[in-house]
Protein backbone atom coordinates (compact mmCIF):
# COMPACT_ATOMS: atom_id res chain seq x y z
CA MET A 1 77.11 69.12 -32.58
CA LYS A 2 74.50 66.77 -31.12
CA VAL A 3 71.87 65.19 -33.35
CA ALA A 4 68.11 65.20 -32.73
CA LEU A 5 65.58 63.02 -34.53
CA VAL A 6 62.07 64.47 -34.60
CA THR A 7 59.52 62.01 -35.92
CA GLY A 8 56.57 63.27 -37.91
CA ALA A 9 58.30 66.60 -38.49
CA SER A 10 57.17 67.63 -41.96
CA ARG A 11 54.37 69.81 -40.57
CA GLY A 12 52.45 70.74 -37.44
CA LEU A 13 54.05 70.44 -34.02
CA GLY A 14 56.91 68.33 -35.35
CA ALA A 15 58.01 70.97 -37.86
CA VAL A 16 58.08 73.70 -35.21
CA ILE A 17 59.92 71.46 -32.74
CA ALA A 18 62.52 70.66 -35.41
CA ARG A 19 63.08 74.34 -36.21
CA GLU A 20 63.36 75.35 -32.55
CA LEU A 21 65.83 72.55 -31.77
CA ALA A 22 67.95 73.67 -34.71
CA ASP A 23 67.87 77.25 -33.45
CA ALA A 24 69.11 75.90 -30.11
CA GLY A 25 72.15 74.33 -31.78
CA TRP A 26 71.02 70.80 -32.58
CA ALA A 27 71.56 69.14 -35.93
CA VAL A 28 68.08 67.88 -36.77
CA ALA A 29 66.83 64.88 -38.71
CA VAL A 30 63.37 65.75 -40.02
CA ASN A 31 61.47 62.49 -40.25
CA TYR A 32 58.47 62.02 -42.50
CA ALA A 33 56.53 59.11 -43.99
CA SER A 34 55.07 60.66 -47.15
CA ASP A 35 55.20 64.48 -47.11
CA ALA A 36 58.55 64.93 -48.84
CA GLN A 37 57.92 68.55 -49.78
CA GLY A 38 56.93 69.52 -46.25
CA ALA A 39 60.04 67.90 -44.80
CA ALA A 40 62.23 69.57 -47.42
CA ASN A 41 60.71 72.94 -46.54
CA VAL A 42 61.53 72.44 -42.86
CA VAL A 43 65.12 71.50 -43.70
CA ASP A 44 65.46 74.49 -46.03
CA THR A 45 64.23 76.83 -43.30
CA ILE A 46 66.71 75.40 -40.80
CA ARG A 47 69.60 75.77 -43.24
CA GLN A 48 68.58 79.33 -44.11
CA ARG A 49 68.83 80.13 -40.40
CA GLY A 50 72.35 78.71 -40.33
CA GLY A 51 71.49 75.31 -38.85
CA GLN A 52 72.20 71.74 -39.90
CA ALA A 53 69.43 69.36 -40.93
CA CYS A 54 68.53 66.49 -43.20
CA THR A 55 65.33 64.74 -44.21
CA ALA A 56 64.77 61.18 -43.04
CA GLN A 57 62.00 59.27 -44.78
CA PHE A 58 60.70 56.22 -42.98
CA SER A 59 57.53 54.97 -41.37
CA VAL A 60 58.05 54.83 -37.61
CA ILE A 61 55.79 51.78 -37.42
CA ASP A 62 57.89 49.80 -39.91
CA LYS A 63 60.94 48.39 -38.12
CA ALA A 64 62.97 47.74 -41.27
CA GLN A 65 62.40 51.28 -42.53
CA LEU A 66 63.19 52.67 -39.10
CA VAL A 67 66.58 50.95 -38.86
CA GLY A 68 67.50 52.05 -42.36
CA GLY A 69 66.42 55.60 -41.60
CA LEU A 70 68.67 55.80 -38.56
CA GLU A 71 71.61 54.68 -40.66
CA THR A 72 70.84 57.40 -43.20
CA ILE A 73 70.81 59.96 -40.38
CA ARG A 74 74.11 58.67 -39.02
CA LYS A 75 75.77 59.10 -42.40
CA ALA A 76 74.32 62.59 -42.94
CA LEU A 77 74.62 64.11 -39.46
CA GLY A 78 76.06 61.56 -37.03
CA PRO A 79 74.56 59.21 -34.43
CA VAL A 80 71.29 60.28 -32.86
CA ASP A 81 71.55 61.77 -29.34
CA LEU A 82 67.90 62.77 -28.86
CA ILE A 83 64.65 61.21 -30.03
CA VAL A 84 61.45 63.26 -30.01
CA ASN A 85 58.57 60.83 -30.51
CA ASN A 86 56.01 63.07 -32.17
CA ALA A 87 54.75 61.03 -35.14
CA THR A 88 51.09 60.08 -35.23
CA GLY A 89 48.57 58.64 -37.65
CA PRO A 90 44.82 59.10 -38.04
CA GLN A 91 43.03 59.81 -34.75
CA PRO A 92 39.44 58.65 -35.30
CA GLU A 93 36.79 59.48 -32.72
CA MET A 94 33.99 56.90 -32.48
CA PRO A 95 31.45 55.57 -30.00
CA LEU A 96 32.68 52.78 -27.76
CA MET A 97 30.63 50.09 -29.52
CA GLU A 98 32.30 50.99 -32.81
CA GLN A 99 35.79 50.73 -31.36
CA SER A 100 37.63 47.48 -32.04
CA TRP A 101 40.90 46.05 -30.79
CA ARG A 102 42.37 47.02 -34.15
CA THR A 103 41.53 50.69 -33.54
CA TYR A 104 43.46 50.45 -30.25
CA LEU A 105 46.41 48.67 -31.84
CA ASP A 106 46.58 51.35 -34.54
CA GLN A 107 47.25 53.97 -31.84
CA LEU A 108 49.58 51.76 -29.82
CA GLU A 109 51.74 51.23 -32.88
CA PHE A 110 52.53 54.94 -33.05
CA PHE A 111 52.76 55.73 -29.34
CA VAL A 112 54.29 52.55 -27.88
CA LYS A 113 55.67 50.27 -30.58
CA ALA A 114 57.47 52.97 -32.59
CA PRO A 115 59.18 54.62 -29.59
CA LEU A 116 60.20 51.18 -28.30
CA GLU A 117 61.79 50.09 -31.56
CA LEU A 118 63.54 53.44 -32.00
CA LEU A 119 64.98 53.16 -28.50
CA HIS A 120 66.10 49.59 -29.13
CA ALA A 121 67.94 50.76 -32.23
CA VAL A 122 69.95 53.49 -30.47
CA LEU A 123 70.28 52.09 -26.95
CA PRO A 124 73.51 50.09 -27.38
CA ASP A 125 75.28 53.27 -28.54
CA TRP A 126 73.71 55.41 -25.81
CA ARG A 127 74.70 52.92 -23.14
CA ALA A 128 78.27 52.90 -24.40
CA ARG A 129 78.36 56.71 -24.27
CA LYS A 130 76.39 57.02 -21.01
CA SER A 131 74.12 59.63 -22.56
CA GLY A 132 70.94 60.02 -24.59
CA ARG A 133 67.52 61.62 -24.32
CA VAL A 134 63.98 60.65 -25.18
CA ILE A 135 61.17 63.17 -25.19
CA ASN A 136 57.74 61.70 -25.86
CA ILE A 137 54.86 63.85 -27.05
CA GLY A 138 51.86 62.76 -25.01
CA SER A 139 48.45 64.33 -24.59
CA GLU A 140 46.11 65.72 -21.96
CA VAL A 141 43.55 63.08 -22.99
CA ALA A 142 45.46 60.48 -20.97
CA GLU A 143 44.16 62.29 -17.86
CA LEU A 144 40.90 63.71 -19.17
CA GLY A 145 39.62 60.54 -20.82
CA ASN A 146 37.77 62.21 -23.69
CA PRO A 147 34.60 60.30 -24.69
CA ASN A 148 34.62 58.49 -28.04
CA PHE A 149 38.40 58.54 -27.89
CA GLY A 150 39.34 55.53 -25.80
CA ASN A 151 41.64 54.17 -28.50
CA TYR A 152 43.80 57.31 -28.59
CA ALA A 153 43.56 58.13 -24.87
CA SER A 154 44.62 54.64 -23.78
CA ALA A 155 47.66 54.68 -26.08
CA LYS A 156 48.74 58.08 -24.78
CA GLY A 157 48.26 56.79 -21.24
CA ALA A 158 50.47 53.82 -22.07
CA MET A 159 53.08 56.22 -23.44
CA LEU A 160 53.15 58.07 -20.11
CA SER A 161 53.58 54.88 -18.09
CA MET A 162 56.26 53.72 -20.51
CA THR A 163 58.09 57.03 -20.08
CA ARG A 164 58.24 56.62 -16.31
CA SER A 165 59.36 53.00 -16.46
CA TRP A 166 62.10 53.72 -19.00
CA ALA A 167 63.28 56.70 -16.96
CA ARG A 168 63.78 54.60 -13.85
CA GLU A 169 65.58 51.83 -15.70
CA LEU A 170 67.88 54.05 -17.76
CA ALA A 171 68.72 56.78 -15.24
CA PRO A 172 71.80 54.94 -13.88
CA GLU A 173 73.19 54.99 -17.41
CA GLY A 174 72.88 58.75 -17.89
CA ILE A 175 69.83 58.52 -20.17
CA THR A 176 66.78 60.68 -19.46
CA VAL A 177 63.21 60.09 -20.59
CA ASN A 178 60.46 62.70 -20.25
CA LEU A 179 57.07 63.47 -21.73
CA VAL A 180 55.45 66.70 -22.87
CA ALA A 181 51.64 66.53 -22.75
CA PRO A 182 49.97 69.22 -24.88
CA GLY A 183 46.37 70.17 -24.90
CA TRP A 184 44.69 71.18 -28.15
CA ILE A 185 47.31 73.17 -30.03
CA PRO A 186 45.80 74.27 -33.35
CA VAL A 187 47.90 73.23 -36.35
CA GLU A 188 47.17 72.45 -40.00
CA ARG A 189 45.14 69.32 -39.33
CA HIS A 190 42.69 71.30 -37.19
CA ALA A 191 41.75 73.63 -40.05
CA GLY A 192 38.24 72.19 -40.24
CA ALA A 193 37.45 72.48 -36.52
CA SER A 194 34.13 74.16 -35.77
CA GLN A 195 33.85 77.36 -33.81
CA GLN A 196 31.59 75.56 -31.33
CA ALA A 197 34.24 72.91 -30.68
CA MET A 198 36.84 75.60 -30.11
CA ASP A 199 34.56 77.59 -27.81
CA ASN A 200 33.69 74.47 -25.80
CA TYR A 201 37.36 73.67 -25.36
CA LEU A 202 38.29 77.16 -24.21
CA ALA A 203 35.39 77.23 -21.76
CA GLN A 204 37.22 74.50 -19.82
CA THR A 205 40.66 76.11 -20.15
CA PRO A 206 41.67 78.30 -17.17
CA LEU A 207 43.96 80.50 -19.29
CA SER A 208 41.09 80.97 -21.80
CA HIS A 209 43.19 80.80 -24.94
CA PHE A 210 44.85 78.22 -27.16
CA GLY A 211 48.53 77.48 -26.94
CA LYS A 212 50.89 77.85 -29.87
CA PRO A 213 53.13 75.17 -31.41
CA GLU A 214 56.09 77.21 -30.15
CA ASP A 215 54.91 76.64 -26.57
CA ILE A 216 55.39 72.91 -27.05
CA ALA A 217 58.66 73.35 -28.92
CA HIS A 218 60.15 75.53 -26.19
CA ALA A 219 59.38 72.86 -23.59
CA VAL A 220 61.05 70.23 -25.75
CA VAL A 221 64.13 72.42 -26.21
CA PHE A 222 64.35 72.89 -22.46
CA LEU A 223 64.08 69.17 -21.70
CA ALA A 224 66.70 68.48 -24.36
CA SER A 225 69.13 71.00 -22.89
CA SER A 226 71.74 70.73 -20.17
CA LYS A 227 69.40 72.78 -17.97
CA ALA A 228 67.26 69.64 -17.66
CA ASP A 229 70.09 67.26 -16.73
CA PHE A 230 68.45 66.45 -13.38
CA ILE A 231 64.95 65.88 -14.79
CA THR A 232 63.73 62.44 -15.81
CA GLY A 233 60.51 60.45 -15.70
CA GLN A 234 58.40 63.62 -15.71
CA LYS A 235 55.28 64.75 -17.53
CA LEU A 236 55.12 68.45 -18.40
CA ALA A 237 51.49 69.42 -19.06
CA LEU A 238 51.04 72.30 -21.51
CA ASN A 239 47.32 72.88 -21.72
CA GLY A 240 46.50 76.22 -20.12
CA GLY A 241 45.69 74.62 -16.79
CA ARG A 242 43.09 72.09 -17.93
CA THR A 243 44.57 69.22 -15.90
CA LEU A 244 46.49 71.08 -13.18
CA LEU A 245 48.68 67.99 -12.78
């Protein structure tokens, strides 16, 4: 059984992605930084459905924790075959003159630094086996350039460019790298969103409704499967037609 690591999987999109991958036959490492109960709940659900899973506590932006976490996964489930880079931190919106280089670095640490260091940790093994998959969770904001959100949008844009560069470099070694770019998919952290904000978003959405976490998870499962063996370096936009790219 192949092993998937889903970062930031104790709740939200990550939790649904982890459950759907397990349903598709993957053994899943459910990564979390602090929400131990949430991660345990995801693992329990997977096991109740007959799947294999373990929790994996480490901060993706701490290299020492990351390396130790991968070793814990290896002992519990085996070496990682798939990395889903989903983890994120706070996503503050602020006017341009309030944005600092630190606010940009905070986003780059999650969306560039963490995926890079995770890949470095597994790449020698993947190269030896001539296989491995990375699926990055991007965002529509890389194309739309939401105002007051340059810190987040630029980091997600960097993640997309990184995906394409890695895909070209690693393709000869049997390793694929793709990106799923969701729009606004309501999850727990959006509980306080105003009705006006939701209405404004849907007014610019051709399909006129919000997507579900399962929509994102199904795309990840597809890109992780053998049906996607000939796909690499691609961005799959899941936003109801808002970008049409």
